[in-house]
């Protein structure tokens, strides 16, 4: 996927209409593709913690004036020293979490009161050994987020998966 495609997949009025800087965490940031897609929408002075177990990203201030701060950690197992986040981005990483309810409950401790989750995942509940061990379809994710108190869900976009049959989706969750 190219950066322009990632930007279009997560495009939403919520991100486009941000008035002030914000702080986000990208859990399982990988190569940073969706970190940079999120950066496209954030205001100058914003901060994105780019967290991955095998983090190869370098600290930077983007041309948009957003600070990207890489952290090396296992976002599932490690306690993360994060507080008052405006949002958590998880792009193709939630499918590595077996106990999603416990994990998402723990993530709520990192968030400010009016925060959002931005999730990109494969729209299936059928595992693909090793690559997608614990998938979660959009309909299943809506149910999970309702269980943890996030009643608002919005599917932002869909696209065909490059690696398998089916689609990927982007969704925004809020209270």
C-alpha atoms as a PDB file:
ATOM      1  CA  UNK A   1       0.000   0.000   0.000  1.00  0.00           C
ATOM      2  CA  UNK A   2       1.228   3.482  -0.822  1.00  0.00           C
ATOM      3  CA  UNK A   3       1.032   6.440   1.573  1.00  0.00           C
ATOM      4  CA  UNK A   4      -1.680   8.157  -0.488  1.00  0.00           C
ATOM      5  CA  UNK A   5      -3.813   5.005  -0.267  1.00  0.00           C
ATOM      6  CA  UNK A   6      -3.316   4.793   3.506  1.00  0.00           C
ATOM      7  CA  UNK A   7      -4.301   8.467   3.847  1.00  0.00           C
ATOM      8  CA  UNK A   8      -7.495   7.893   1.868  1.00  0.00           C
ATOM      9  CA  UNK A   9      -8.366   4.765   3.857  1.00  0.00           C
ATOM     10  CA  UNK A  10      -8.355   6.661   7.188  1.00  0.00           C
ATOM     11  CA  UNK A  11      -9.760   9.982   5.917  1.00  0.00           C
ATOM     12  CA  UNK A  12     -12.534  11.241   8.196  1.00  0.00           C
ATOM     13  CA  UNK A  13     -14.042  14.588   9.165  1.00  0.00           C
ATOM     14  CA  UNK A  14     -12.891  14.001  12.742  1.00  0.00           C
ATOM     15  CA  UNK A  15      -9.232  14.011  11.677  1.00  0.00           C
ATOM     16  CA  UNK A  16      -9.604  16.679   8.994  1.00  0.00           C
ATOM     17  CA  UNK A  17     -11.323  19.139  11.330  1.00  0.00           C
ATOM     18  CA  UNK A  18      -8.782  18.996  14.187  1.00  0.00           C
ATOM     19  CA  UNK A  19      -8.292  22.513  15.556  1.00  0.00           C
ATOM     20  CA  UNK A  20      -5.395  21.933  17.937  1.00  0.00           C
ATOM     21  CA  UNK A  21      -2.397  19.690  18.393  1.00  0.00           C
ATOM     22  CA  UNK A  22      -2.968  16.225  19.796  1.00  0.00           C
ATOM     23  CA  UNK A  23      -1.093  13.197  21.107  1.00  0.00           C
ATOM     24  CA  UNK A  24      -1.545   9.742  19.594  1.00  0.00           C
ATOM     25  CA  UNK A  25       0.077   6.327  19.933  1.00  0.00           C
ATOM     26  CA  UNK A  26       0.496   3.985  16.985  1.00  0.00           C
ATOM     27  CA  UNK A  27       0.605   0.519  18.551  1.00  0.00           C
ATOM     28  CA  UNK A  28       2.453  -1.928  16.328  1.00  0.00           C
ATOM     29  CA  UNK A  29       3.618   0.773  13.925  1.00  0.00           C
ATOM     30  CA  UNK A  30       5.735  -1.510  11.733  1.00  0.00           C
ATOM     31  CA  UNK A  31       7.294   0.484   8.888  1.00  0.00           C
ATOM     32  CA  UNK A  32       5.380   3.602   9.908  1.00  0.00           C
ATOM     33  CA  UNK A  33       3.060   3.763   6.896  1.00  0.00           C
ATOM     34  CA  UNK A  34      -0.056   4.541   8.921  1.00  0.00           C
ATOM     35  CA  UNK A  35       1.971   6.670  11.363  1.00  0.00           C
ATOM     36  CA  UNK A  36       2.711   8.923   8.393  1.00  0.00           C
ATOM     37  CA  UNK A  37      -0.880   8.718   7.155  1.00  0.00           C
ATOM     38  CA  UNK A  38      -2.073   9.927  10.569  1.00  0.00           C
ATOM     39  CA  UNK A  39       0.594  12.658  10.533  1.00  0.00           C
ATOM     40  CA  UNK A  40      -1.015  13.998   7.341  1.00  0.00           C
ATOM     41  CA  UNK A  41      -4.125  14.995   9.323  1.00  0.00           C
ATOM     42  CA  UNK A  42      -2.645  16.183  12.637  1.00  0.00           C
ATOM     43  CA  UNK A  43      -1.930  19.809  13.458  1.00  0.00           C
ATOM     44  CA  UNK A  44       1.514  21.280  13.965  1.00  0.00           C
ATOM     45  CA  UNK A  45       2.838  20.522  17.442  1.00  0.00           C
ATOM     46  CA  UNK A  46       1.149  17.120  17.614  1.00  0.00           C
ATOM     47  CA  UNK A  47       3.002  14.025  18.796  1.00  0.00           C
ATOM     48  CA  UNK A  48       2.757  10.400  17.664  1.00  0.00           C
ATOM     49  CA  UNK A  49       4.372   7.683  19.769  1.00  0.00           C
ATOM     50  CA  UNK A  50       5.310   5.027  17.194  1.00  0.00           C
ATOM     51  CA  UNK A  51       5.518   1.785  19.186  1.00  0.00           C
ATOM     52  CA  UNK A  52       6.778  -1.529  17.865  1.00  0.00           C
ATOM     53  CA  UNK A  53       8.732  -4.487  19.178  1.00  0.00           C
ATOM     54  CA  UNK A  54      11.189  -4.256  16.262  1.00  0.00           C
ATOM     55  CA  UNK A  55      11.133  -0.511  15.774  1.00  0.00           C
ATOM     56  CA  UNK A  56      13.273   0.782  12.919  1.00  0.00           C
ATOM     57  CA  UNK A  57      11.813   4.291  12.808  1.00  0.00           C
ATOM     58  CA  UNK A  58      13.941   7.303  13.696  1.00  0.00           C
ATOM     59  CA  UNK A  59      12.752  10.295  15.737  1.00  0.00           C
ATOM     60  CA  UNK A  60      11.650  13.112  13.476  1.00  0.00           C
ATOM     61  CA  UNK A  61       9.638  16.270  13.114  1.00  0.00           C
ATOM     62  CA  UNK A  62       7.643  15.872   9.906  1.00  0.00           C
ATOM     63  CA  UNK A  63       7.080  18.568   7.292  1.00  0.00           C
ATOM     64  CA  UNK A  64       3.633  18.898   8.855  1.00  0.00           C
ATOM     65  CA  UNK A  65       5.275  19.869  12.178  1.00  0.00           C
ATOM     66  CA  UNK A  66       4.293  16.635  13.922  1.00  0.00           C
ATOM     67  CA  UNK A  67       6.823  14.915  16.181  1.00  0.00           C
ATOM     68  CA  UNK A  68       7.176  11.166  15.664  1.00  0.00           C
ATOM     69  CA  UNK A  69       8.745   9.539  18.711  1.00  0.00           C
ATOM     70  CA  UNK A  70       9.641   5.862  18.185  1.00  0.00           C
ATOM     71  CA  UNK A  71       9.491   3.549  21.202  1.00  0.00           C
ATOM     72  CA  UNK A  72      10.645  -0.058  21.193  1.00  0.00           C
ATOM     73  CA  UNK A  73       8.169  -2.190  23.145  1.00  0.00           C
ATOM     74  CA  UNK A  74       5.820  -5.127  22.841  1.00  0.00           C
ATOM     75  CA  UNK A  75       2.539  -3.215  22.920  1.00  0.00           C
ATOM     76  CA  UNK A  76       0.636  -6.330  24.053  1.00  0.00           C
ATOM     77  CA  UNK A  77       2.876  -7.488  26.924  1.00  0.00           C
ATOM     78  CA  UNK A  78       4.766  -4.384  28.064  1.00  0.00           C
ATOM     79  CA  UNK A  79       3.331  -1.708  30.327  1.00  0.00           C
ATOM     80  CA  UNK A  80       3.447   1.515  28.334  1.00  0.00           C
ATOM     81  CA  UNK A  81       4.025   4.801  30.089  1.00  0.00           C
ATOM     82  CA  UNK A  82       1.322   6.675  28.190  1.00  0.00           C
ATOM     83  CA  UNK A  83      -1.280   9.066  29.570  1.00  0.00           C
ATOM     84  CA  UNK A  84      -3.912  11.441  28.211  1.00  0.00           C
ATOM     85  CA  UNK A  85      -3.678  10.284  24.616  1.00  0.00           C
ATOM     86  CA  UNK A  86      -6.167  11.806  22.202  1.00  0.00           C
ATOM     87  CA  UNK A  87      -6.126   8.615  20.195  1.00  0.00           C
ATOM     88  CA  UNK A  88      -4.704   5.174  19.595  1.00  0.00           C
ATOM     89  CA  UNK A  89      -3.988   3.957  16.087  1.00  0.00           C
ATOM     90  CA  UNK A  90      -3.702   0.235  15.430  1.00  0.00           C
ATOM     91  CA  UNK A  91      -3.056  -0.649  11.796  1.00  0.00           C
ATOM     92  CA  UNK A  92      -2.985  -4.392  11.184  1.00  0.00           C
ATOM     93  CA  UNK A  93      -1.810  -5.019  14.735  1.00  0.00           C
ATOM     94  CA  UNK A  94      -4.945  -5.812  16.745  1.00  0.00           C
ATOM     95  CA  UNK A  95      -5.059  -9.228  15.061  1.00  0.00           C
ATOM     96  CA  UNK A  96      -1.966 -10.178  17.121  1.00  0.00           C
ATOM     97  CA  UNK A  97      -3.896  -9.669  20.381  1.00  0.00           C
ATOM     98  CA  UNK A  98      -5.597 -12.818  21.659  1.00  0.00           C
ATOM     99  CA  UNK A  99      -7.539 -11.331  24.610  1.00  0.00           C
ATOM    100  CA  UNK A 100      -8.858  -8.190  22.971  1.00  0.00           C
ATOM    101  CA  UNK A 101     -11.229  -7.153  25.778  1.00  0.00           C
ATOM    102  CA  UNK A 102      -8.505  -7.142  28.459  1.00  0.00           C
ATOM    103  CA  UNK A 103      -6.094  -5.425  26.087  1.00  0.00           C
ATOM    104  CA  UNK A 104      -8.559  -2.686  25.097  1.00  0.00           C
ATOM    105  CA  UNK A 105      -9.533  -2.143  28.746  1.00  0.00           C
ATOM    106  CA  UNK A 106      -5.838  -1.600  29.542  1.00  0.00           C
ATOM    107  CA  UNK A 107      -5.530   0.797  26.597  1.00  0.00           C
ATOM    108  CA  UNK A 108      -8.357   2.907  28.025  1.00  0.00           C
ATOM    109  CA  UNK A 109      -5.973   3.834  30.876  1.00  0.00           C
ATOM    110  CA  UNK A 110      -3.752   5.566  28.312  1.00  0.00           C
ATOM    111  CA  UNK A 111      -6.542   7.749  26.950  1.00  0.00           C
ATOM    112  CA  UNK A 112      -7.933  11.194  27.649  1.00  0.00           C
ATOM    113  CA  UNK A 113     -11.684  11.316  28.286  1.00  0.00           C
ATOM    114  CA  UNK A 114     -12.731  12.187  24.708  1.00  0.00           C
ATOM    115  CA  UNK A 115     -10.205   9.982  22.904  1.00  0.00           C
ATOM    116  CA  UNK A 116     -10.653   7.782  19.852  1.00  0.00           C
ATOM    117  CA  UNK A 117      -9.429   4.455  18.555  1.00  0.00           C
ATOM    118  CA  UNK A 118      -8.518   4.307  14.865  1.00  0.00           C
ATOM    119  CA  UNK A 119      -8.336   0.670  13.737  1.00  0.00           C
ATOM    120  CA  UNK A 120      -7.262  -0.827  10.405  1.00  0.00           C
ATOM    121  CA  UNK A 121      -7.843  -4.573  10.123  1.00  0.00           C
ATOM    122  CA  UNK A 122      -8.845  -7.426   7.847  1.00  0.00           C
ATOM    123  CA  UNK A 123     -12.618  -7.849   7.677  1.00  0.00           C
ATOM    124  CA  UNK A 124     -12.721 -11.475   8.760  1.00  0.00           C
ATOM    125  CA  UNK A 125     -13.015 -13.598  11.862  1.00  0.00           C
ATOM    126  CA  UNK A 126     -11.211 -16.556  10.275  1.00  0.00           C
ATOM    127  CA  UNK A 127      -7.554 -16.891  11.364  1.00  0.00           C
ATOM    128  CA  UNK A 128      -4.695 -17.108   8.894  1.00  0.00           C
ATOM    129  CA  UNK A 129      -1.952 -19.063  10.630  1.00  0.00           C
ATOM    130  CA  UNK A 130       0.941 -16.852  11.773  1.00  0.00           C
ATOM    131  CA  UNK A 131       0.049 -13.753   9.752  1.00  0.00           C
ATOM    132  CA  UNK A 132      -3.400 -13.026  11.183  1.00  0.00           C
ATOM    133  CA  UNK A 133      -3.736 -15.286  14.231  1.00  0.00           C
ATOM    134  CA  UNK A 134      -6.630 -13.480  15.972  1.00  0.00           C
ATOM    135  CA  UNK A 135      -8.558 -11.535  13.312  1.00  0.00           C
ATOM    136  CA  UNK A 136     -11.520  -9.315  14.058  1.00  0.00           C
ATOM    137  CA  UNK A 137     -14.131  -8.318  11.506  1.00  0.00           C
ATOM    138  CA  UNK A 138     -15.711  -4.885  11.638  1.00  0.00           C
ATOM    139  CA  UNK A 139     -18.990  -6.275  12.997  1.00  0.00           C
ATOM    140  CA  UNK A 140     -17.135  -8.175  15.746  1.00  0.00           C
ATOM    141  CA  UNK A 141     -15.064  -5.109  16.603  1.00  0.00           C
ATOM    142  CA  UNK A 142     -18.184  -2.959  17.008  1.00  0.00           C
ATOM    143  CA  UNK A 143     -19.420  -5.442  19.626  1.00  0.00           C
ATOM    144  CA  UNK A 144     -16.040  -5.460  21.425  1.00  0.00           C
ATOM    145  CA  UNK A 145     -15.885  -1.676  21.603  1.00  0.00           C
ATOM    146  CA  UNK A 146     -19.465  -1.439  22.895  1.00  0.00           C
ATOM    147  CA  UNK A 147     -18.464  -3.828  25.701  1.00  0.00           C
ATOM    148  CA  UNK A 148     -15.720  -1.419  26.813  1.00  0.00           C
ATOM    149  CA  UNK A 149     -17.919   1.689  26.618  1.00  0.00           C
ATOM    150  CA  UNK A 150     -17.249   2.987  23.101  1.00  0.00           C
ATOM    151  CA  UNK A 151     -20.729   3.218  21.607  1.00  0.00           C
ATOM    152  CA  UNK A 152     -19.903   5.234  18.493  1.00  0.00           C
ATOM    153  CA  UNK A 153     -18.413   3.371  15.545  1.00  0.00           C
ATOM    154  CA  UNK A 154     -17.775   4.582  12.021  1.00  0.00           C
ATOM    155  CA  UNK A 155     -16.385   2.531   9.155  1.00  0.00           C
ATOM    156  CA  UNK A 156     -14.160   4.976   7.281  1.00  0.00           C
ATOM    157  CA  UNK A 157     -13.219   2.919   4.274  1.00  0.00           C
ATOM    158  CA  UNK A 158     -12.491  -0.452   2.761  1.00  0.00           C
ATOM    159  CA  UNK A 159     -10.049  -1.788   0.212  1.00  0.00           C
ATOM    160  CA  UNK A 160      -9.119  -5.158  -1.182  1.00  0.00           C
ATOM    161  CA  UNK A 161      -6.356  -6.886   0.731  1.00  0.00           C
ATOM    162  CA  UNK A 162      -3.146  -7.323  -1.247  1.00  0.00           C
ATOM    163  CA  UNK A 163      -2.284 -10.531   0.605  1.00  0.00           C
ATOM    164  CA  UNK A 164      -5.471 -12.544   0.650  1.00  0.00           C
ATOM    165  CA  UNK A 165      -9.086 -12.658  -0.380  1.00  0.00           C
ATOM    166  CA  UNK A 166     -11.337 -10.197   1.337  1.00  0.00           C
ATOM    167  CA  UNK A 167     -11.072  -6.614   2.427  1.00  0.00           C
ATOM    168  CA  UNK A 168      -9.269  -4.420   4.876  1.00  0.00           C
ATOM    169  CA  UNK A 169     -11.265  -1.766   6.696  1.00  0.00           C
ATOM    170  CA  UNK A 170     -10.547   1.376   8.669  1.00  0.00           C
ATOM    171  CA  UNK A 171     -12.832   2.330  11.549  1.00  0.00           C
ATOM    172  CA  UNK A 172     -13.043   5.055  14.171  1.00  0.00           C
ATOM    173  CA  UNK A 173     -14.425   4.352  17.661  1.00  0.00           C
ATOM    174  CA  UNK A 174     -15.398   6.889  20.314  1.00  0.00           C
ATOM    175  CA  UNK A 175     -17.507   7.088  23.470  1.00  0.00           C
END
